[in-house]
Amino acid sequence: PLYLNAGDFTGTGPGGPDVGAFQARFRVPPSFTWSNRDAVAQSTRANGVTLNWTGGDPATQGITILGGNFDQQSGAGALFVCFADFRPGSFTVPASITQALPPSNLQRPDQTIGFLVVGAGPAGDFPTFTAPQLDAGYVFFVQFSAMSVVWR
């Protein structure tokens, strides 16, 4: 579960020697659910990988997808990042991207770090706030879900 429930919040800080006191308002949107999370725990690089989600606020959020694989034994590693529209509820990372990842070391799984991270965050303008001696202040809420993946 999320640390904060959906709704409007105000954060305040007393300031210090470098930045003055501030007050920042922000909205926590409804949480999203990575709905096929368990289905991608073992993914075939030649097929790409499709991620599905529900919930959230498609009007104000976008999706960030981060994936990678690092083989400690060989020293090979790669990662990717994709940004997707929230509205379709699905995004496929194409095989041309996932095939660039080294395969998981199936003989020594403890030597491989494979992962996928799906996050929902603001799309468009970030809410701002001001404070004395601060050029720009931004406040926003993001939610991420991560898991280990075996890349075949």
N, C-alpha and C. Protein backbone atom coordinates (compact mmCIF):
# COMPACT_ATOMS: atom_id res chain seq x y z
N PRO A 1 0.83 -1.20 0.00
CA PRO A 1 0.00 0.00 0.00
C PRO A 1 0.87 1.25 0.00
N LEU A 2 0.30 2.32 -0.51
CA LEU A 2 1.02 3.58 -0.54
C LEU A 2 1.18 4.16 0.86
N TYR A 3 2.20 4.94 1.04
CA TYR A 3 2.44 5.62 2.30
C TYR A 3 1.38 6.69 2.55
N LEU A 4 0.98 7.37 1.48
CA LEU A 4 -0.05 8.42 1.57
C LEU A 4 -1.29 7.96 0.80
N ASN A 5 -2.46 8.28 1.32
CA ASN A 5 -3.70 8.02 0.60
C ASN A 5 -3.90 9.10 -0.45
N ALA A 6 -4.71 8.81 -1.46
CA ALA A 6 -5.01 9.79 -2.49
C ALA A 6 -5.66 11.02 -1.86
N GLY A 7 -5.29 12.20 -2.38
CA GLY A 7 -5.86 13.44 -1.86
C GLY A 7 -4.88 14.59 -1.96
N ASP A 8 -5.27 15.72 -1.40
CA ASP A 8 -4.45 16.94 -1.42
C ASP A 8 -3.65 17.05 -0.12
N PHE A 9 -2.39 17.47 -0.27
CA PHE A 9 -1.50 17.60 0.88
C PHE A 9 -0.75 18.91 0.82
N THR A 10 -0.27 19.34 1.97
CA THR A 10 0.58 20.52 2.07
C THR A 10 1.81 20.14 2.88
N GLY A 11 2.97 20.38 2.28
CA GLY A 11 4.23 20.16 2.99
C GLY A 11 4.82 21.49 3.38
N THR A 12 5.38 21.56 4.58
CA THR A 12 5.98 22.80 5.04
C THR A 12 7.38 22.52 5.57
N GLY A 13 8.21 23.53 5.52
CA GLY A 13 9.55 23.42 6.07
C GLY A 13 9.95 24.72 6.73
N PRO A 14 10.69 24.66 7.83
CA PRO A 14 11.05 25.87 8.55
C PRO A 14 12.13 26.69 7.88
N GLY A 15 12.79 26.11 6.87
CA GLY A 15 13.90 26.81 6.24
C GLY A 15 15.17 26.62 7.04
N GLY A 16 16.22 27.16 6.50
CA GLY A 16 17.52 27.04 7.16
C GLY A 16 18.45 28.12 6.67
N PRO A 17 19.75 27.94 6.80
CA PRO A 17 20.69 28.99 6.42
C PRO A 17 20.74 29.28 4.92
N ASP A 18 20.35 28.30 4.08
CA ASP A 18 20.46 28.50 2.63
C ASP A 18 19.14 28.77 1.93
N VAL A 19 18.05 28.24 2.43
CA VAL A 19 16.73 28.41 1.83
C VAL A 19 15.75 28.76 2.94
N GLY A 20 14.87 29.72 2.66
CA GLY A 20 13.90 30.15 3.67
C GLY A 20 12.75 29.19 3.84
N ALA A 21 11.87 29.51 4.75
CA ALA A 21 10.69 28.69 5.03
C ALA A 21 9.83 28.56 3.78
N PHE A 22 9.14 27.41 3.67
CA PHE A 22 8.31 27.18 2.49
C PHE A 22 7.05 26.42 2.85
N GLN A 23 6.10 26.49 1.93
CA GLN A 23 4.88 25.72 1.99
C GLN A 23 4.60 25.25 0.57
N ALA A 24 4.37 23.95 0.38
CA ALA A 24 4.16 23.39 -0.95
C ALA A 24 2.93 22.50 -0.95
N ARG A 25 2.03 22.75 -1.87
CA ARG A 25 0.82 21.94 -2.00
C ARG A 25 1.04 20.93 -3.13
N PHE A 26 0.52 19.71 -2.91
CA PHE A 26 0.60 18.70 -3.97
C PHE A 26 -0.55 17.72 -3.83
N ARG A 27 -0.80 17.01 -4.91
CA ARG A 27 -1.90 16.04 -4.96
C ARG A 27 -1.31 14.65 -5.12
N VAL A 28 -1.82 13.73 -4.33
CA VAL A 28 -1.49 12.31 -4.49
C VAL A 28 -2.65 11.69 -5.26
N PRO A 29 -2.39 11.22 -6.50
CA PRO A 29 -3.47 10.61 -7.28
C PRO A 29 -3.79 9.21 -6.76
N PRO A 30 -4.88 8.63 -7.24
CA PRO A 30 -5.17 7.24 -6.86
C PRO A 30 -4.00 6.34 -7.28
N SER A 31 -3.76 5.29 -6.52
CA SER A 31 -2.64 4.41 -6.84
C SER A 31 -2.91 3.62 -8.12
N PHE A 32 -1.83 3.24 -8.77
CA PHE A 32 -1.96 2.36 -9.93
C PHE A 32 -1.49 0.96 -9.52
N THR A 33 -1.91 -0.05 -10.28
CA THR A 33 -1.51 -1.43 -10.03
C THR A 33 -0.88 -1.98 -11.30
N TRP A 34 0.32 -2.52 -11.17
CA TRP A 34 0.98 -3.22 -12.27
C TRP A 34 0.31 -4.59 -12.33
N SER A 35 -0.64 -4.75 -13.24
CA SER A 35 -1.57 -5.88 -13.19
C SER A 35 -0.99 -7.20 -13.69
N ASN A 36 0.05 -7.19 -14.52
CA ASN A 36 0.63 -8.46 -14.97
C ASN A 36 2.05 -8.65 -14.43
N ARG A 37 2.28 -8.11 -13.27
CA ARG A 37 3.61 -8.12 -12.65
C ARG A 37 4.19 -9.54 -12.55
N ASP A 38 3.44 -10.47 -12.02
CA ASP A 38 3.95 -11.83 -11.84
C ASP A 38 4.20 -12.54 -13.17
N ALA A 39 3.45 -12.19 -14.21
CA ALA A 39 3.56 -12.86 -15.50
C ALA A 39 4.87 -12.55 -16.22
N VAL A 40 5.56 -11.48 -15.85
CA VAL A 40 6.80 -11.10 -16.54
C VAL A 40 8.05 -11.44 -15.74
N ALA A 41 7.90 -12.21 -14.66
CA ALA A 41 9.05 -12.56 -13.82
C ALA A 41 10.09 -13.38 -14.59
N GLN A 42 9.64 -14.11 -15.59
CA GLN A 42 10.51 -14.84 -16.51
C GLN A 42 10.14 -14.35 -17.90
N SER A 43 11.02 -13.59 -18.52
CA SER A 43 10.72 -12.97 -19.81
C SER A 43 11.72 -13.41 -20.87
N THR A 44 11.21 -13.66 -22.06
CA THR A 44 12.04 -14.04 -23.19
C THR A 44 12.43 -12.78 -23.94
N ARG A 45 13.72 -12.49 -23.98
CA ARG A 45 14.20 -11.24 -24.59
C ARG A 45 13.76 -11.12 -26.05
N ALA A 46 13.70 -12.23 -26.77
CA ALA A 46 13.33 -12.22 -28.19
C ALA A 46 11.87 -11.83 -28.42
N ASN A 47 11.05 -11.85 -27.36
CA ASN A 47 9.63 -11.51 -27.49
C ASN A 47 9.30 -10.10 -27.04
N GLY A 48 10.27 -9.36 -26.51
CA GLY A 48 9.93 -8.09 -25.88
C GLY A 48 9.20 -8.38 -24.58
N VAL A 49 8.65 -7.36 -23.99
CA VAL A 49 7.89 -7.58 -22.76
C VAL A 49 6.74 -6.56 -22.71
N THR A 50 5.54 -7.07 -22.47
CA THR A 50 4.36 -6.21 -22.37
C THR A 50 3.99 -6.03 -20.91
N LEU A 51 3.78 -4.78 -20.53
CA LEU A 51 3.43 -4.42 -19.16
C LEU A 51 2.03 -3.82 -19.17
N ASN A 52 1.20 -4.23 -18.21
CA ASN A 52 -0.18 -3.75 -18.10
C ASN A 52 -0.39 -3.13 -16.73
N TRP A 53 -1.25 -2.11 -16.67
CA TRP A 53 -1.55 -1.46 -15.40
C TRP A 53 -2.99 -0.98 -15.39
N THR A 54 -3.50 -0.80 -14.19
CA THR A 54 -4.85 -0.27 -13.98
C THR A 54 -4.77 0.79 -12.88
N GLY A 55 -5.86 1.52 -12.73
CA GLY A 55 -5.94 2.53 -11.68
C GLY A 55 -5.22 3.80 -12.05
N GLY A 56 -4.75 4.52 -11.03
CA GLY A 56 -4.06 5.78 -11.27
C GLY A 56 -4.97 6.86 -11.80
N ASP A 57 -4.37 7.89 -12.37
CA ASP A 57 -5.11 9.01 -12.95
C ASP A 57 -4.56 9.29 -14.34
N PRO A 58 -5.15 8.67 -15.38
CA PRO A 58 -4.64 8.84 -16.74
C PRO A 58 -4.61 10.30 -17.22
N ALA A 59 -5.43 11.15 -16.62
CA ALA A 59 -5.46 12.55 -17.05
C ALA A 59 -4.23 13.33 -16.61
N THR A 60 -3.56 12.87 -15.54
CA THR A 60 -2.44 13.65 -15.01
C THR A 60 -1.14 12.86 -14.89
N GLN A 61 -1.18 11.55 -15.15
CA GLN A 61 0.01 10.73 -14.94
C GLN A 61 0.55 10.13 -16.24
N GLY A 62 1.83 9.81 -16.20
CA GLY A 62 2.49 9.07 -17.26
C GLY A 62 3.18 7.87 -16.63
N ILE A 63 3.63 6.95 -17.47
CA ILE A 63 4.30 5.73 -17.00
C ILE A 63 5.78 5.79 -17.36
N THR A 64 6.62 5.38 -16.43
CA THR A 64 8.05 5.20 -16.66
C THR A 64 8.38 3.73 -16.44
N ILE A 65 9.11 3.16 -17.40
CA ILE A 65 9.50 1.75 -17.32
C ILE A 65 11.02 1.69 -17.38
N LEU A 66 11.61 1.03 -16.42
CA LEU A 66 13.05 0.85 -16.36
C LEU A 66 13.32 -0.64 -16.25
N GLY A 67 14.22 -1.14 -17.07
CA GLY A 67 14.57 -2.56 -17.01
C GLY A 67 16.05 -2.74 -17.26
N GLY A 68 16.56 -3.86 -16.81
CA GLY A 68 17.97 -4.12 -17.04
C GLY A 68 18.37 -5.50 -16.61
N ASN A 69 19.61 -5.83 -16.93
CA ASN A 69 20.19 -7.09 -16.51
C ASN A 69 21.70 -6.92 -16.43
N PHE A 70 22.28 -7.39 -15.34
CA PHE A 70 23.72 -7.29 -15.10
C PHE A 70 24.23 -8.65 -14.67
N ASP A 71 25.18 -9.18 -15.42
CA ASP A 71 25.80 -10.46 -15.11
C ASP A 71 27.14 -10.19 -14.46
N GLN A 72 27.23 -10.44 -13.17
CA GLN A 72 28.45 -10.13 -12.43
C GLN A 72 29.62 -11.01 -12.86
N GLN A 73 29.34 -12.23 -13.29
CA GLN A 73 30.41 -13.15 -13.68
C GLN A 73 31.11 -12.68 -14.96
N SER A 74 30.35 -12.29 -15.97
CA SER A 74 30.95 -11.85 -17.24
C SER A 74 31.23 -10.35 -17.29
N GLY A 75 30.57 -9.60 -16.42
CA GLY A 75 30.70 -8.15 -16.44
C GLY A 75 29.79 -7.48 -17.47
N ALA A 76 28.95 -8.26 -18.16
CA ALA A 76 28.03 -7.71 -19.16
C ALA A 76 26.82 -7.10 -18.47
N GLY A 77 26.32 -6.01 -19.02
CA GLY A 77 25.13 -5.39 -18.46
C GLY A 77 24.54 -4.37 -19.40
N ALA A 78 23.27 -4.13 -19.27
CA ALA A 78 22.58 -3.11 -20.05
C ALA A 78 21.28 -2.76 -19.34
N LEU A 79 20.79 -1.57 -19.61
CA LEU A 79 19.49 -1.18 -19.08
C LEU A 79 18.77 -0.31 -20.09
N PHE A 80 17.47 -0.17 -19.91
CA PHE A 80 16.66 0.67 -20.79
C PHE A 80 15.67 1.45 -19.95
N VAL A 81 15.20 2.54 -20.51
CA VAL A 81 14.13 3.33 -19.89
C VAL A 81 13.16 3.74 -20.99
N CYS A 82 11.87 3.60 -20.71
CA CYS A 82 10.82 3.98 -21.65
C CYS A 82 9.82 4.87 -20.90
N PHE A 83 9.26 5.82 -21.62
CA PHE A 83 8.20 6.67 -21.09
C PHE A 83 6.96 6.42 -21.93
N ALA A 84 5.83 6.19 -21.29
CA ALA A 84 4.61 5.81 -22.01
C ALA A 84 3.41 6.62 -21.55
N ASP A 85 2.46 6.76 -22.45
CA ASP A 85 1.17 7.37 -22.12
C ASP A 85 0.44 6.43 -21.15
N PHE A 86 -0.20 6.98 -20.17
CA PHE A 86 -0.90 6.20 -19.15
C PHE A 86 -2.18 5.57 -19.69
N ARG A 87 -2.86 6.28 -20.59
CA ARG A 87 -4.22 5.93 -20.99
C ARG A 87 -4.41 4.52 -21.55
N PRO A 88 -3.53 4.01 -22.40
CA PRO A 88 -3.81 2.67 -22.95
C PRO A 88 -3.81 1.56 -21.90
N GLY A 89 -3.12 1.76 -20.78
CA GLY A 89 -3.06 0.73 -19.76
C GLY A 89 -2.10 -0.40 -20.11
N SER A 90 -1.32 -0.20 -21.17
CA SER A 90 -0.40 -1.24 -21.60
C SER A 90 0.71 -0.63 -22.44
N PHE A 91 1.90 -1.22 -22.37
CA PHE A 91 3.02 -0.80 -23.20
C PHE A 91 3.91 -2.01 -23.43
N THR A 92 4.36 -2.17 -24.67
CA THR A 92 5.27 -3.25 -25.00
C THR A 92 6.65 -2.69 -25.27
N VAL A 93 7.62 -3.13 -24.47
CA VAL A 93 9.02 -2.82 -24.75
C VAL A 93 9.40 -3.78 -25.87
N PRO A 94 9.79 -3.26 -27.04
CA PRO A 94 10.00 -4.14 -28.20
C PRO A 94 11.22 -5.05 -28.04
N ALA A 95 11.18 -6.15 -28.77
CA ALA A 95 12.27 -7.12 -28.74
C ALA A 95 13.60 -6.49 -29.13
N SER A 96 13.57 -5.48 -29.99
CA SER A 96 14.82 -4.83 -30.38
C SER A 96 15.52 -4.19 -29.19
N ILE A 97 14.77 -3.87 -28.15
CA ILE A 97 15.33 -3.30 -26.92
C ILE A 97 15.71 -4.42 -25.96
N THR A 98 14.79 -5.35 -25.70
CA THR A 98 15.08 -6.39 -24.71
C THR A 98 16.19 -7.33 -25.17
N GLN A 99 16.35 -7.51 -26.48
CA GLN A 99 17.43 -8.38 -26.96
C GLN A 99 18.81 -7.77 -26.73
N ALA A 100 18.86 -6.47 -26.47
CA ALA A 100 20.14 -5.83 -26.17
C ALA A 100 20.61 -6.14 -24.75
N LEU A 101 19.70 -6.67 -23.92
CA LEU A 101 20.09 -7.07 -22.56
C LEU A 101 20.86 -8.38 -22.63
N PRO A 102 21.88 -8.54 -21.81
CA PRO A 102 22.50 -9.86 -21.74
C PRO A 102 21.53 -10.84 -21.09
N PRO A 103 21.58 -12.12 -21.49
CA PRO A 103 20.68 -13.09 -20.85
C PRO A 103 21.08 -13.31 -19.39
N SER A 104 20.10 -13.70 -18.61
CA SER A 104 20.39 -14.05 -17.21
C SER A 104 21.28 -15.29 -17.18
N ASN A 105 22.16 -15.35 -16.22
CA ASN A 105 23.06 -16.48 -16.04
C ASN A 105 22.28 -17.58 -15.32
N LEU A 106 21.73 -18.53 -16.08
CA LEU A 106 20.88 -19.57 -15.49
C LEU A 106 21.69 -20.60 -14.71
N GLN A 107 23.00 -20.74 -15.03
CA GLN A 107 23.86 -21.66 -14.27
C GLN A 107 24.22 -21.07 -12.91
N ARG A 108 24.33 -19.75 -12.86
CA ARG A 108 24.69 -19.05 -11.62
C ARG A 108 23.72 -17.89 -11.40
N PRO A 109 22.47 -18.18 -11.05
CA PRO A 109 21.48 -17.11 -10.89
C PRO A 109 21.87 -16.07 -9.84
N ASP A 110 22.70 -16.47 -8.88
CA ASP A 110 23.13 -15.51 -7.86
C ASP A 110 24.09 -14.48 -8.42
N GLN A 111 24.56 -14.68 -9.65
CA GLN A 111 25.49 -13.75 -10.30
C GLN A 111 24.78 -12.76 -11.22
N THR A 112 23.45 -12.87 -11.34
CA THR A 112 22.69 -12.03 -12.26
C THR A 112 21.73 -11.13 -11.51
N ILE A 113 21.67 -9.89 -11.93
CA ILE A 113 20.71 -8.94 -11.36
C ILE A 113 19.83 -8.46 -12.51
N GLY A 114 18.67 -9.08 -12.67
CA GLY A 114 17.70 -8.69 -13.69
C GLY A 114 16.50 -8.05 -13.02
N PHE A 115 15.94 -7.01 -13.64
CA PHE A 115 14.86 -6.30 -12.98
C PHE A 115 13.97 -5.57 -13.97
N LEU A 116 12.77 -5.24 -13.51
CA LEU A 116 11.84 -4.32 -14.17
C LEU A 116 11.26 -3.42 -13.09
N VAL A 117 11.09 -2.15 -13.44
CA VAL A 117 10.47 -1.17 -12.56
C VAL A 117 9.42 -0.43 -13.38
N VAL A 118 8.22 -0.33 -12.85
CA VAL A 118 7.15 0.43 -13.50
C VAL A 118 6.70 1.50 -12.53
N GLY A 119 6.65 2.73 -13.01
CA GLY A 119 6.29 3.84 -12.14
C GLY A 119 5.27 4.76 -12.77
N ALA A 120 4.46 5.38 -11.93
CA ALA A 120 3.50 6.39 -12.37
C ALA A 120 3.88 7.71 -11.73
N GLY A 121 3.95 8.73 -12.55
CA GLY A 121 4.30 10.06 -12.06
C GLY A 121 3.61 11.12 -12.89
N PRO A 122 3.84 12.37 -12.57
CA PRO A 122 3.14 13.44 -13.26
C PRO A 122 3.52 13.52 -14.74
N ALA A 123 2.55 13.79 -15.55
CA ALA A 123 2.76 14.05 -16.98
C ALA A 123 2.44 15.52 -17.20
N GLY A 124 3.31 16.22 -17.85
CA GLY A 124 3.07 17.65 -18.07
C GLY A 124 3.81 18.49 -17.06
N ASP A 125 3.20 19.59 -16.69
CA ASP A 125 3.85 20.54 -15.78
C ASP A 125 3.87 20.01 -14.35
N PHE A 126 4.99 20.23 -13.67
CA PHE A 126 5.12 19.88 -12.27
C PHE A 126 4.65 21.06 -11.42
N PRO A 127 3.92 20.78 -10.34
CA PRO A 127 3.53 21.86 -9.44
C PRO A 127 4.79 22.52 -8.84
N THR A 128 4.74 23.81 -8.69
CA THR A 128 5.90 24.56 -8.18
C THR A 128 5.55 25.22 -6.85
N PHE A 129 6.60 25.63 -6.14
CA PHE A 129 6.44 26.43 -4.93
C PHE A 129 7.62 27.38 -4.84
N THR A 130 7.49 28.38 -4.00
CA THR A 130 8.56 29.37 -3.85
C THR A 130 9.03 29.39 -2.40
N ALA A 131 10.25 29.86 -2.24
CA ALA A 131 10.82 30.06 -0.92
C ALA A 131 11.94 31.08 -1.07
N PRO A 132 12.20 31.88 -0.05
CA PRO A 132 13.31 32.83 -0.13
C PRO A 132 14.64 32.10 -0.44
N GLN A 133 15.42 32.66 -1.32
CA GLN A 133 16.71 32.15 -1.77
C GLN A 133 16.62 30.86 -2.59
N LEU A 134 15.44 30.54 -3.09
CA LEU A 134 15.26 29.33 -3.91
C LEU A 134 14.86 29.77 -5.31
N ASP A 135 15.63 29.35 -6.31
CA ASP A 135 15.32 29.72 -7.70
C ASP A 135 14.06 29.02 -8.19
N ALA A 136 13.90 27.73 -7.91
CA ALA A 136 12.73 26.99 -8.35
C ALA A 136 12.50 25.83 -7.39
N GLY A 137 11.25 25.60 -7.04
CA GLY A 137 10.90 24.48 -6.19
C GLY A 137 9.79 23.68 -6.85
N TYR A 138 9.92 22.36 -6.87
CA TYR A 138 8.94 21.47 -7.48
C TYR A 138 8.55 20.41 -6.45
N VAL A 139 7.29 20.05 -6.44
CA VAL A 139 6.82 19.01 -5.55
C VAL A 139 5.83 18.14 -6.32
N PHE A 140 6.06 16.84 -6.27
CA PHE A 140 5.16 15.92 -6.96
C PHE A 140 5.29 14.54 -6.35
N PHE A 141 4.30 13.70 -6.62
CA PHE A 141 4.24 12.36 -6.07
C PHE A 141 4.51 11.35 -7.18
N VAL A 142 5.32 10.35 -6.89
CA VAL A 142 5.55 9.24 -7.83
C VAL A 142 5.35 7.93 -7.08
N GLN A 143 4.95 6.91 -7.81
CA GLN A 143 4.78 5.57 -7.25
C GLN A 143 5.51 4.60 -8.16
N PHE A 144 6.36 3.74 -7.59
CA PHE A 144 7.09 2.76 -8.37
C PHE A 144 6.86 1.36 -7.81
N SER A 145 6.86 0.38 -8.70
CA SER A 145 6.78 -1.02 -8.33
C SER A 145 7.93 -1.73 -9.04
N ALA A 146 8.72 -2.50 -8.30
CA ALA A 146 9.91 -3.14 -8.87
C ALA A 146 9.87 -4.64 -8.59
N MET A 147 10.55 -5.38 -9.47
CA MET A 147 10.67 -6.82 -9.26
C MET A 147 11.89 -7.38 -9.96
N SER A 148 12.35 -8.52 -9.47
CA SER A 148 13.44 -9.24 -10.12
C SER A 148 12.89 -9.99 -11.33
N VAL A 149 13.70 -10.05 -12.38
CA VAL A 149 13.29 -10.71 -13.62
C VAL A 149 14.42 -11.61 -14.11
N VAL A 150 14.06 -12.79 -14.58
CA VAL A 150 15.00 -13.64 -15.30
C VAL A 150 14.79 -13.37 -16.78
N TRP A 151 15.84 -12.86 -17.43
CA TRP A 151 15.79 -12.55 -18.86
C TRP A 151 16.36 -13.74 -19.63
N ARG A 152 15.51 -14.49 -20.29
CA ARG A 152 15.93 -15.68 -21.07
C ARG A 152 16.30 -15.30 -22.48
